[in-house]
Amino acid sequence: MSRTWTIALHFNIGYEVALRILDGVIQYAQEHPELVLREFNFSKEEPGFPESPPWLRKADGVLMNLRREPGIHDWLRRGGVPAVNTGGDLCKEKQVVSVFTDPQSVAGLAVRHFLDLGRRHFAFVGDREADATERIHKAMTKELIAHGLSLHTYRTEKVYMGTFDDFSSLAEVEPGLVDLIREAPKPLALLAQTDRCAAAICRVIQFMGLAIPDDVAVVGIHDTAMARLSSPPISSIRPPHQAIGYRAARVLHRILLGQRPGRRNILIPAMKLVGRSSSIEKPRAATTDVDRALDFIREHATEGIQVPDVAAHVHVPLRTFQIEFAASVGRPVGEEIRRVRLERIKNLLEMTDLPLENVARLAGLATAVSLIRIVNSATGMSPADYRRQHRDEA
């Protein structure tokens, strides 16, 4: 009988991002019945650090999503089991493996979005105490240097929650944040570290009498419910939360089996930027069946959709739709799906070290064999050779 491993879960279950990550953890555990998940979650904004971790002598390893706080090093050491964090704030802790979103992919999505909108002046706002602030600042700076542009950065003392509890007037806002927005050249492109921070910044902009997005275009990170429900709705970058949870569980599983992790920090690229009113003045309306089909393909090509799924989405008979699409776009529907999927595959191969089966899953393919066939047909190379060539060129 094979050994059973108990995995402790320590997440803020009141946080939407944590629940997405847990979805990935649960998926991995369902594929590996020898793993038993045990809940030690919390629902407060800060977990606090009691004398000993709650999973002490009750688990073989721990998956968590914790920020860097005073005393956390000794607290985790007292837990006495391998720990994998699904975030970057503990990436300097030698006893922890961290799986988190690649900040360079976040910066790349944000900068490309803003450049496509014609913006040439950039700003970034993040929490002064969060390690992610410095990582994103460096990634944005690097991305902009390649375009001959610079970045204005402000690190807030307060963690803004994006609610009316943050402030009720401009006088209650940090002066440095107000000065950044007021003095930066316009039109300004501003990336916020979280959707919560972006929502607070939108209120500041409105208090100042500036127009969103004409004067200041805002993008957040995490694509949470707050981004969708804010006024205006906030454009946001969607990290690969489920993939992070899945990969973290896989790494911990291998550690428990006696395998040493190749790296302490594992980065997974962000998925996409969802454009909304905070950065796009007049979102392009999908006025034709083909427009709506193209939008659907961009959103869902990596979910294993087929041509009939697209036709059903636009409510047009399959044969009629195929003819109209090919005449308008210049290529068949299936080819467009494969093109979008291939771009996702190339991005994953270029920016990650994920195993081929993981790349296949994230691209909406059933097996790694399908992935190998697609890459070989499109590039004349195996996925490994394509990845190696890209790394050599980089």
Protein backbone atom coordinates (compact mmCIF):
# COMPACT_ATOMS: atom_id res chain seq x y z
CA MET A 1 0.00 0.00 0.00
CA SER A 2 1.43 3.39 -1.01
CA ARG A 3 2.08 6.04 1.60
CA THR A 4 -0.49 8.75 2.31
CA TRP A 5 0.72 12.32 2.78
CA THR A 6 -1.16 14.98 4.73
CA ILE A 7 -0.92 18.50 3.29
CA ALA A 8 -1.82 21.46 5.51
CA LEU A 9 -3.55 24.42 3.84
CA HIS A 10 -2.99 27.87 5.32
CA PHE A 11 -4.81 30.51 3.23
CA ASN A 12 -6.95 33.55 3.83
CA ILE A 13 -10.24 32.07 2.63
CA GLY A 14 -11.84 35.50 2.76
CA TYR A 15 -9.65 36.53 -0.17
CA GLU A 16 -10.83 35.81 -3.71
CA VAL A 17 -7.30 35.19 -5.02
CA ALA A 18 -6.64 32.56 -2.34
CA LEU A 19 -9.79 30.67 -3.32
CA ARG A 20 -8.64 30.58 -6.96
CA ILE A 21 -5.26 29.20 -5.89
CA LEU A 22 -6.98 26.58 -3.75
CA ASP A 23 -8.91 25.44 -6.84
CA GLY A 24 -5.58 24.52 -8.42
CA VAL A 25 -4.41 22.74 -5.27
CA ILE A 26 -7.63 20.73 -5.11
CA GLN A 27 -7.31 19.76 -8.78
CA TYR A 28 -3.82 18.36 -8.18
CA ALA A 29 -4.95 16.51 -5.05
CA GLN A 30 -7.83 14.93 -6.96
CA GLU A 31 -5.32 13.58 -9.48
CA HIS A 32 -3.15 12.17 -6.65
CA PRO A 33 -5.32 10.34 -4.09
CA GLU A 34 -2.29 9.64 -1.90
CA LEU A 35 -2.45 13.32 -0.86
CA VAL A 36 -4.87 14.29 1.91
CA LEU A 37 -5.65 17.99 2.32
CA ARG A 38 -6.15 19.28 5.86
CA GLU A 39 -7.62 22.73 6.46
CA PHE A 40 -5.83 25.24 8.70
CA ASN A 41 -7.12 28.33 6.90
CA PHE A 42 -7.90 31.73 8.37
CA SER A 43 -10.34 34.48 7.42
CA LYS A 44 -8.76 37.60 8.92
CA GLU A 45 -6.65 39.98 6.86
CA GLU A 46 -3.59 39.00 8.91
CA PRO A 47 -3.18 35.44 10.27
CA GLY A 48 -1.06 36.31 13.29
CA PHE A 49 1.67 33.98 14.55
CA PRO A 50 0.82 31.89 17.60
CA GLU A 51 3.60 30.09 19.45
CA SER A 52 3.55 27.20 16.99
CA PRO A 53 1.92 26.73 13.58
CA PRO A 54 -1.46 24.98 13.86
CA TRP A 55 -0.31 22.12 11.64
CA LEU A 56 2.58 21.15 13.97
CA ARG A 57 2.77 17.32 14.15
CA LYS A 58 -0.46 17.12 12.13
CA ALA A 59 0.86 17.35 8.56
CA ASP A 60 3.78 16.31 6.37
CA GLY A 61 3.97 19.62 4.47
CA VAL A 62 2.20 22.94 4.15
CA LEU A 63 0.85 24.98 1.24
CA MET A 64 0.19 28.62 2.12
CA ASN A 65 -0.30 32.14 0.88
CA LEU A 66 1.42 34.44 3.37
CA ARG A 67 3.02 37.87 3.31
CA ARG A 68 6.39 38.62 4.84
CA GLU A 69 5.85 39.59 8.47
CA PRO A 70 8.21 39.94 11.45
CA GLY A 71 8.78 36.56 13.06
CA ILE A 72 7.54 34.45 10.18
CA HIS A 73 10.94 32.81 9.62
CA ASP A 74 11.09 31.29 13.11
CA TRP A 75 7.37 30.49 13.05
CA LEU A 76 7.68 28.42 9.88
CA ARG A 77 10.83 26.77 11.18
CA ARG A 78 8.92 25.62 14.26
CA GLY A 79 6.40 23.96 11.98
CA GLY A 80 9.05 21.41 11.10
CA VAL A 81 7.71 20.48 7.64
CA PRO A 82 8.45 21.55 4.04
CA ALA A 83 6.61 24.74 3.08
CA VAL A 84 5.57 26.07 -0.33
CA ASN A 85 4.18 29.60 -0.57
CA THR A 86 1.85 30.59 -3.41
CA GLY A 87 3.10 34.16 -3.59
CA GLY A 88 6.36 36.05 -3.89
CA ASP A 89 6.60 37.77 -0.51
CA LEU A 90 8.63 34.93 1.03
CA CYS A 91 10.90 34.36 -1.98
CA LYS A 92 13.96 35.33 0.08
CA GLU A 93 13.23 32.71 2.75
CA LYS A 94 15.66 29.86 2.13
CA GLN A 95 13.41 27.31 3.83
CA VAL A 96 10.43 28.11 1.57
CA VAL A 97 9.78 27.35 -2.10
CA SER A 98 7.72 30.14 -3.66
CA VAL A 99 5.46 29.82 -6.71
CA PHE A 100 4.16 33.13 -8.04
CA THR A 101 3.32 35.25 -11.07
CA ASP A 102 6.25 36.33 -13.22
CA PRO A 103 6.44 40.13 -12.73
CA GLN A 104 7.99 40.60 -16.17
CA SER A 105 4.90 39.09 -17.79
CA VAL A 106 2.71 41.49 -15.77
CA ALA A 107 4.82 44.43 -16.90
CA GLY A 108 4.77 43.25 -20.49
CA LEU A 109 0.98 42.98 -20.60
CA ALA A 110 0.52 46.40 -18.98
CA VAL A 111 3.03 48.22 -21.17
CA ARG A 112 1.74 46.68 -24.41
CA HIS A 113 -1.83 47.59 -23.46
CA PHE A 114 -0.93 51.20 -22.71
CA LEU A 115 1.26 51.57 -25.80
CA ASP A 116 -1.57 50.23 -27.94
CA LEU A 117 -3.67 53.05 -26.47
CA GLY A 118 -1.04 55.59 -27.51
CA ARG A 119 0.22 56.37 -23.97
CA ARG A 120 3.81 57.50 -23.50
CA HIS A 121 3.82 58.54 -19.81
CA PHE A 122 3.80 55.78 -17.21
CA ALA A 123 3.36 55.44 -13.45
CA PHE A 124 3.22 52.58 -10.96
CA VAL A 125 1.70 52.61 -7.46
CA GLY A 126 2.30 49.84 -4.92
CA ASP A 127 2.32 49.07 -1.21
CA ARG A 128 5.58 50.17 0.42
CA GLU A 129 5.76 47.04 2.60
CA ALA A 130 5.03 44.48 -0.11
CA ASP A 131 7.95 42.76 -1.81
CA ALA A 132 5.88 42.59 -5.01
CA THR A 133 6.10 46.37 -5.31
CA GLU A 134 9.82 46.34 -5.95
CA ARG A 135 9.61 43.36 -8.32
CA ILE A 136 6.93 44.98 -10.47
CA HIS A 137 8.72 48.34 -10.37
CA LYS A 138 11.91 46.73 -11.72
CA ALA A 139 9.99 44.77 -14.36
CA MET A 140 8.08 47.86 -15.53
CA THR A 141 11.27 49.90 -15.65
CA LYS A 142 13.01 47.23 -17.73
CA GLU A 143 10.05 46.94 -20.10
CA LEU A 144 9.84 50.70 -20.62
CA ILE A 145 13.58 51.18 -21.15
CA ALA A 146 13.26 48.92 -24.19
CA HIS A 147 10.84 51.53 -25.61
CA GLY A 148 12.93 54.53 -24.56
CA LEU A 149 10.43 55.46 -21.83
CA SER A 150 10.63 56.02 -18.07
CA LEU A 151 8.49 55.24 -15.04
CA HIS A 152 7.16 57.34 -12.14
CA THR A 153 6.69 55.19 -9.01
CA TYR A 154 4.97 55.86 -5.70
CA ARG A 155 5.01 53.45 -2.74
CA THR A 156 2.04 53.96 -0.43
CA GLU A 157 2.32 53.83 3.35
CA LYS A 158 -1.26 52.62 3.66
CA VAL A 159 -2.68 49.43 2.18
CA TYR A 160 -5.67 50.76 0.26
CA MET A 161 -8.72 48.48 0.21
CA GLY A 162 -10.63 50.25 -2.54
CA THR A 163 -13.64 50.95 -0.29
CA PHE A 164 -15.14 54.17 1.08
CA ASP A 165 -13.37 53.44 4.38
CA ASP A 166 -10.06 54.41 2.75
CA PHE A 167 -10.84 58.15 2.64
CA SER A 168 -13.77 60.51 2.24
CA SER A 169 -11.95 63.50 0.78
CA LEU A 170 -8.74 64.39 -1.01
CA ALA A 171 -7.34 65.78 2.26
CA GLU A 172 -7.23 62.24 3.68
CA VAL A 173 -5.18 60.82 0.80
CA GLU A 174 -1.39 60.48 1.07
CA PRO A 175 0.06 63.72 -0.34
CA GLY A 176 2.71 61.85 -2.29
CA LEU A 177 0.06 59.89 -4.18
CA VAL A 178 -1.87 63.08 -4.96
CA ASP A 179 1.32 64.79 -6.13
CA LEU A 180 2.21 61.89 -8.42
CA ILE A 181 -1.16 61.98 -10.16
CA ARG A 182 -1.27 65.77 -10.33
CA GLU A 183 2.30 66.37 -11.54
CA ALA A 184 2.88 63.43 -13.89
CA PRO A 185 2.58 64.34 -17.60
CA LYS A 186 -0.81 63.64 -19.15
CA PRO A 187 -2.30 61.54 -20.57
CA LEU A 188 -0.92 59.16 -17.94
CA ALA A 189 -0.89 55.35 -17.94
CA LEU A 190 -0.96 54.03 -14.36
CA LEU A 191 -0.50 50.44 -13.18
CA ALA A 192 -1.63 49.67 -9.62
CA GLN A 193 -0.30 46.72 -7.64
CA THR A 194 -3.80 45.32 -6.97
CA ASP A 195 -7.38 45.89 -8.04
CA ARG A 196 -8.05 47.31 -4.56
CA CYS A 197 -5.29 49.85 -5.01
CA ALA A 198 -6.58 50.66 -8.52
CA ALA A 199 -10.10 51.28 -7.18
CA ALA A 200 -8.72 53.69 -4.57
CA ILE A 201 -6.65 55.50 -7.21
CA CYS A 202 -9.72 55.91 -9.43
CA ARG A 203 -11.49 57.66 -6.53
CA VAL A 204 -8.47 59.95 -6.05
CA ILE A 205 -8.49 60.82 -9.75
CA GLN A 206 -12.20 61.61 -9.59
CA PHE A 207 -11.72 63.77 -6.46
CA MET A 208 -9.07 65.73 -8.39
CA GLY A 209 -11.49 66.46 -11.22
CA LEU A 210 -9.49 64.48 -13.77
CA ALA A 211 -11.08 62.23 -16.37
CA ILE A 212 -10.70 58.44 -16.49
CA PRO A 213 -9.27 57.29 -18.86
CA ASP A 214 -8.71 60.49 -20.87
CA ASP A 215 -6.33 62.06 -18.34
CA VAL A 216 -5.32 58.92 -16.43
CA ALA A 217 -5.80 55.35 -17.64
CA VAL A 218 -5.68 52.81 -14.80
CA VAL A 219 -4.93 49.08 -14.78
CA GLY A 220 -5.01 46.83 -11.72
CA ILE A 221 -3.78 43.30 -11.03
CA HIS A 222 -5.76 40.13 -10.10
CA ASP A 223 -8.99 40.65 -12.09
CA THR A 224 -11.15 40.25 -8.99
CA ALA A 225 -14.81 41.06 -8.43
CA MET A 226 -13.76 44.52 -7.25
CA ALA A 227 -12.34 45.28 -10.71
CA ARG A 228 -15.60 44.29 -12.36
CA LEU A 229 -17.87 46.11 -9.89
CA SER A 230 -15.91 49.35 -9.42
CA SER A 231 -17.02 52.62 -10.97
CA PRO A 232 -15.60 52.76 -13.54
CA PRO A 233 -14.92 49.03 -14.06
CA ILE A 234 -11.16 48.53 -13.85
CA SER A 235 -8.96 46.98 -16.52
CA SER A 236 -6.97 44.25 -14.81
CA ILE A 237 -4.27 41.67 -15.40
CA ARG A 238 -5.34 38.10 -14.67
CA PRO A 239 -2.57 36.06 -12.97
CA PRO A 240 -2.53 32.25 -13.38
CA HIS A 241 -3.93 31.63 -9.89
CA GLN A 242 -5.19 28.09 -10.50
CA ALA A 243 -1.93 27.14 -12.25
CA ILE A 244 0.04 28.51 -9.28
CA GLY A 245 -1.95 26.34 -6.87
CA TYR A 246 -1.54 23.27 -9.08
CA ARG A 247 2.20 23.80 -9.50
CA ALA A 248 2.72 24.51 -5.79
CA ALA A 249 0.99 21.25 -4.85
CA ARG A 250 3.09 19.39 -7.40
CA VAL A 251 6.33 20.87 -6.04
CA LEU A 252 5.45 19.99 -2.45
CA HIS A 253 4.46 16.47 -3.50
CA ARG A 254 7.85 15.94 -5.12
CA ILE A 255 9.64 17.28 -2.04
CA LEU A 256 7.75 14.79 0.13
CA LEU A 257 8.85 12.04 -2.26
CA GLY A 258 12.47 13.00 -1.61
CA GLN A 259 13.13 15.05 -4.73
CA ARG A 260 14.92 18.36 -4.34
CA PRO A 261 13.27 21.32 -6.10
CA GLY A 262 15.35 22.68 -8.95
CA ARG A 263 14.66 26.26 -7.85
CA ARG A 264 13.33 28.00 -4.76
CA ASN A 265 11.39 30.53 -6.84
CA ILE A 266 9.11 29.29 -9.61
CA LEU A 267 7.56 31.95 -11.85
CA ILE A 268 4.47 31.44 -14.01
CA PRO A 269 3.44 34.08 -16.58
CA ALA A 270 0.27 36.12 -16.22
CA MET A 271 -2.62 34.97 -18.39
CA LYS A 272 -4.10 38.09 -19.97
CA LEU A 273 -5.18 41.70 -19.51
CA VAL A 274 -8.94 42.23 -19.38
CA GLY A 275 -9.73 45.70 -20.77
CA ARG A 276 -12.46 47.77 -19.12
CA SER A 277 -13.53 51.41 -18.86
CA SER A 278 -10.68 52.52 -16.57
CA SER A 279 -8.23 52.35 -19.48
CA ILE A 280 -10.34 52.05 -22.62
CA GLU A 281 -12.46 55.11 -23.35
CA LYS A 282 -14.79 53.40 -25.79
CA PRO A 283 -14.36 49.65 -25.87
CA ARG A 284 -14.72 48.31 -29.36
CA ALA A 285 -18.23 46.99 -29.72
CA ALA A 286 -18.47 43.59 -31.31
CA THR A 287 -21.08 44.71 -33.84
CA THR A 288 -20.90 41.81 -36.26
CA ASP A 289 -21.04 38.05 -35.84
CA VAL A 290 -17.39 37.83 -36.90
CA ASP A 291 -16.35 40.48 -34.36
CA ARG A 292 -18.10 38.58 -31.58
CA ALA A 293 -16.55 35.33 -32.78
CA LEU A 294 -13.04 36.81 -32.72
CA ASP A 295 -13.57 38.10 -29.17
CA PHE A 296 -14.84 34.67 -28.10
CA ILE A 297 -11.83 32.92 -29.64
CA ARG A 298 -9.36 35.29 -27.93
CA GLU A 299 -11.02 34.64 -24.59
CA HIS A 300 -11.52 30.88 -24.85
CA ALA A 301 -9.07 29.39 -27.40
CA THR A 302 -7.04 27.82 -24.57
CA GLU A 303 -10.10 26.11 -23.09
CA GLY A 304 -10.33 23.45 -25.78
CA ILE A 305 -13.10 25.09 -27.83
CA GLN A 306 -13.94 23.83 -31.32
CA VAL A 307 -15.47 25.51 -34.37
CA PRO A 308 -19.07 24.49 -33.45
CA ASP A 309 -18.63 26.16 -30.04
CA VAL A 310 -17.83 29.47 -31.74
CA ALA A 311 -20.76 29.18 -34.14
CA ALA A 312 -23.10 28.39 -31.23
CA HIS A 313 -21.82 31.45 -29.34
CA VAL A 314 -22.78 33.81 -32.18
CA HIS A 315 -26.03 31.92 -32.93
CA VAL A 316 -25.31 31.38 -36.63
CA PRO A 317 -25.69 28.08 -38.52
CA LEU A 318 -22.32 26.34 -38.68
CA ARG A 319 -21.83 26.29 -42.46
CA THR A 320 -23.03 29.89 -42.92
CA PHE A 321 -20.78 31.05 -40.11
CA GLN A 322 -17.70 29.29 -41.52
CA ILE A 323 -18.21 30.95 -44.92
CA GLU A 324 -18.76 34.45 -43.44
CA PHE A 325 -15.79 34.13 -41.09
CA ALA A 326 -13.33 32.99 -43.77
CA ALA A 327 -14.49 35.75 -46.15
CA SER A 328 -14.05 38.45 -43.49
CA VAL A 329 -10.88 37.30 -41.69
CA GLY A 330 -9.09 35.59 -44.55
CA ARG A 331 -8.65 32.25 -42.81
CA PRO A 332 -10.94 29.49 -41.48
CA VAL A 333 -12.31 29.52 -37.94
CA GLY A 334 -10.30 26.47 -36.94
CA GLU A 335 -7.09 28.08 -38.13
CA GLU A 336 -7.80 31.17 -36.02
CA ILE A 337 -8.36 29.00 -32.94
CA ARG A 338 -5.09 27.18 -33.60
CA ARG A 339 -3.25 30.48 -34.18
CA VAL A 340 -4.35 31.94 -30.82
CA ARG A 341 -3.60 28.66 -29.06
CA LEU A 342 -0.14 28.48 -30.65
CA GLU A 343 0.69 31.99 -29.42
CA ARG A 344 -0.19 30.89 -25.90
CA ILE A 345 1.99 27.79 -26.25
CA LYS A 346 4.95 29.82 -27.50
CA ASN A 347 4.53 32.27 -24.63
CA LEU A 348 4.54 29.48 -22.06
CA LEU A 349 7.57 27.78 -23.61
CA GLU A 350 9.50 31.03 -23.84
CA MET A 351 8.72 32.38 -20.37
CA THR A 352 8.45 29.28 -18.15
CA ASP A 353 10.11 25.97 -17.40
CA LEU A 354 6.77 24.21 -16.99
CA PRO A 355 6.73 20.53 -18.04
CA LEU A 356 5.09 19.89 -21.40
CA GLU A 357 2.01 18.30 -19.85
CA ASN A 358 1.40 21.51 -17.88
CA VAL A 359 1.93 23.67 -20.96
CA ALA A 360 -0.54 21.48 -22.84
CA ARG A 361 -3.14 21.82 -20.08
CA LEU A 362 -2.79 25.62 -19.94
CA ALA A 363 -3.15 25.79 -23.72
CA GLY A 364 -6.34 23.73 -23.73
CA LEU A 365 -4.79 20.53 -25.11
CA ALA A 366 -5.54 17.06 -23.83
CA THR A 367 -1.99 15.65 -23.95
CA ALA A 368 1.65 16.62 -24.31
CA VAL A 369 1.67 14.57 -27.53
CA SER A 370 -0.77 17.03 -29.09
CA LEU A 371 1.46 19.89 -27.95
CA ILE A 372 4.55 18.33 -29.54
CA ARG A 373 2.70 17.79 -32.82
CA ILE A 374 1.42 21.39 -32.96
CA VAL A 375 4.79 22.98 -32.16
CA ASN A 376 6.65 20.76 -34.60
CA SER A 377 4.17 21.51 -37.38
CA ALA A 378 4.32 25.28 -36.80
CA THR A 379 8.05 25.73 -36.14
CA GLY A 380 9.79 22.63 -37.43
CA MET A 381 11.19 22.09 -33.94
CA SER A 382 10.30 20.10 -30.86
CA PRO A 383 9.01 22.12 -27.87
CA ALA A 384 12.34 21.52 -26.11
CA ASP A 385 14.32 22.81 -29.09
CA TYR A 386 12.01 25.83 -29.46
CA ARG A 387 12.43 26.66 -25.77
CA ARG A 388 16.21 26.20 -25.96
CA GLN A 389 16.53 28.38 -29.07
CA HIS A 390 14.51 31.16 -27.48
CA ARG A 391 16.60 31.02 -24.30
CA ASP A 392 19.83 31.07 -26.33
CA GLU A 393 18.65 34.11 -28.28
CA ALA A 394 17.58 35.85 -25.07
